Amino acid sequence: MEVNQFLESLGLSKNEAKTYLTLLKLGSVPAGPLIKGLGMHRAAVYNLLDILINKGLVHYVIQANRKYFEAQKPERLFE
């Protein structure tokens, strides 16, 4: 089973899974590089980030007045 399919089987949409995996790969990043990496509209990415934050799969830290988004460790998926 592919990673995306596995994430979707856990209840994530295709775009939520894509966003989570991209964040895992990029590490702690502001929204700009994430939006560029996903190739999606800015508003859509922020919406996906809100959904993933509510699901406990993404969090952010504020550094120098900027939000840096980070994916939670994959083990978190099993909680």
Protein backbone atom coordinates (compact mmCIF):
# COMPACT_ATOMS: atom_id res chain seq x y z
CA MET A 1 0.00 0.00 0.00
CA GLU A 2 1.31 3.43 -0.97
CA VAL A 3 1.82 6.05 1.75
CA ASN A 4 -0.84 8.35 0.28
CA GLN A 5 -3.37 5.50 0.20
CA PHE A 6 -2.52 4.62 3.79
CA LEU A 7 -3.09 8.22 4.92
CA GLU A 8 -6.37 8.33 3.02
CA SER A 9 -7.44 5.08 4.71
CA LEU A 10 -6.92 6.90 8.02
CA GLY A 11 -9.42 9.54 6.96
CA LEU A 12 -7.29 12.20 5.30
CA SER A 13 -8.26 13.66 1.94
CA LYS A 14 -5.82 13.45 -0.98
CA ASN A 15 -4.75 17.07 -0.47
CA GLU A 16 -4.45 16.68 3.31
CA ALA A 17 -2.18 13.66 2.78
CA LYS A 18 -0.12 15.55 0.17
CA THR A 19 0.24 18.55 2.49
CA TYR A 20 1.27 16.38 5.46
CA LEU A 21 3.88 14.46 3.43
CA THR A 22 5.28 17.66 1.91
CA LEU A 23 5.65 19.16 5.39
CA LEU A 24 7.39 16.01 6.62
CA LYS A 25 9.87 16.37 3.76
CA LEU A 26 10.43 20.14 4.16
CA GLY A 27 10.63 20.22 7.94
CA SER A 28 9.84 23.47 9.74
CA VAL A 29 8.89 26.05 7.08
CA PRO A 30 6.86 29.23 6.68
CA ALA A 31 3.81 28.94 4.43
CA GLY A 32 5.55 30.35 1.31
CA PRO A 33 7.83 27.39 0.54
CA LEU A 34 5.01 24.97 1.40
CA ILE A 35 2.63 26.71 -1.02
CA LYS A 36 5.32 26.59 -3.71
CA GLY A 37 6.08 22.92 -2.99
CA LEU A 38 2.41 21.94 -3.20
CA GLY A 39 1.62 24.07 -6.25
CA MET A 40 -1.78 24.96 -4.80
CA HIS A 41 -3.57 28.24 -4.22
CA ARG A 42 -2.50 30.06 -1.06
CA ALA A 43 -5.99 30.05 0.50
CA ALA A 44 -6.35 26.30 -0.13
CA VAL A 45 -3.05 25.58 1.61
CA TYR A 46 -3.99 27.66 4.65
CA ASN A 47 -7.32 25.83 4.80
CA LEU A 48 -5.54 22.45 4.65
CA LEU A 49 -3.12 23.57 7.38
CA ASP A 50 -6.07 24.53 9.63
CA ILE A 51 -7.67 21.11 9.07
CA LEU A 52 -4.40 19.28 9.82
CA ILE A 53 -3.79 21.41 12.93
CA ASN A 54 -7.29 20.51 14.18
CA LYS A 55 -6.54 16.82 13.53
CA GLY A 56 -3.32 17.16 15.56
CA LEU A 57 -1.03 16.29 12.63
CA VAL A 58 0.52 19.74 12.16
CA HIS A 59 1.57 22.46 14.56
CA TYR A 60 3.38 25.75 14.24
CA VAL A 61 5.94 27.76 16.13
CA ILE A 62 6.42 31.50 15.88
CA GLN A 63 9.97 32.67 15.18
CA ALA A 64 10.78 36.31 14.42
CA ASN A 65 7.04 37.08 14.07
CA ARG A 66 6.56 34.38 11.39
CA LYS A 67 4.67 31.12 11.68
CA TYR A 68 6.73 28.04 10.87
CA PHE A 69 4.59 24.99 10.20
CA GLU A 70 5.79 21.50 11.14
CA ALA A 71 4.30 18.05 10.64
CA GLN A 72 3.96 15.94 13.75
CA LYS A 73 5.92 12.69 13.76
CA PRO A 74 4.22 9.90 11.75
CA GLU A 75 3.75 7.88 14.97
CA ARG A 76 1.09 10.45 15.83
CA LEU A 77 -1.14 8.92 13.14
CA PHE A 78 -1.70 5.84 15.29
CA GLU A 79 -3.01 7.77 18.30
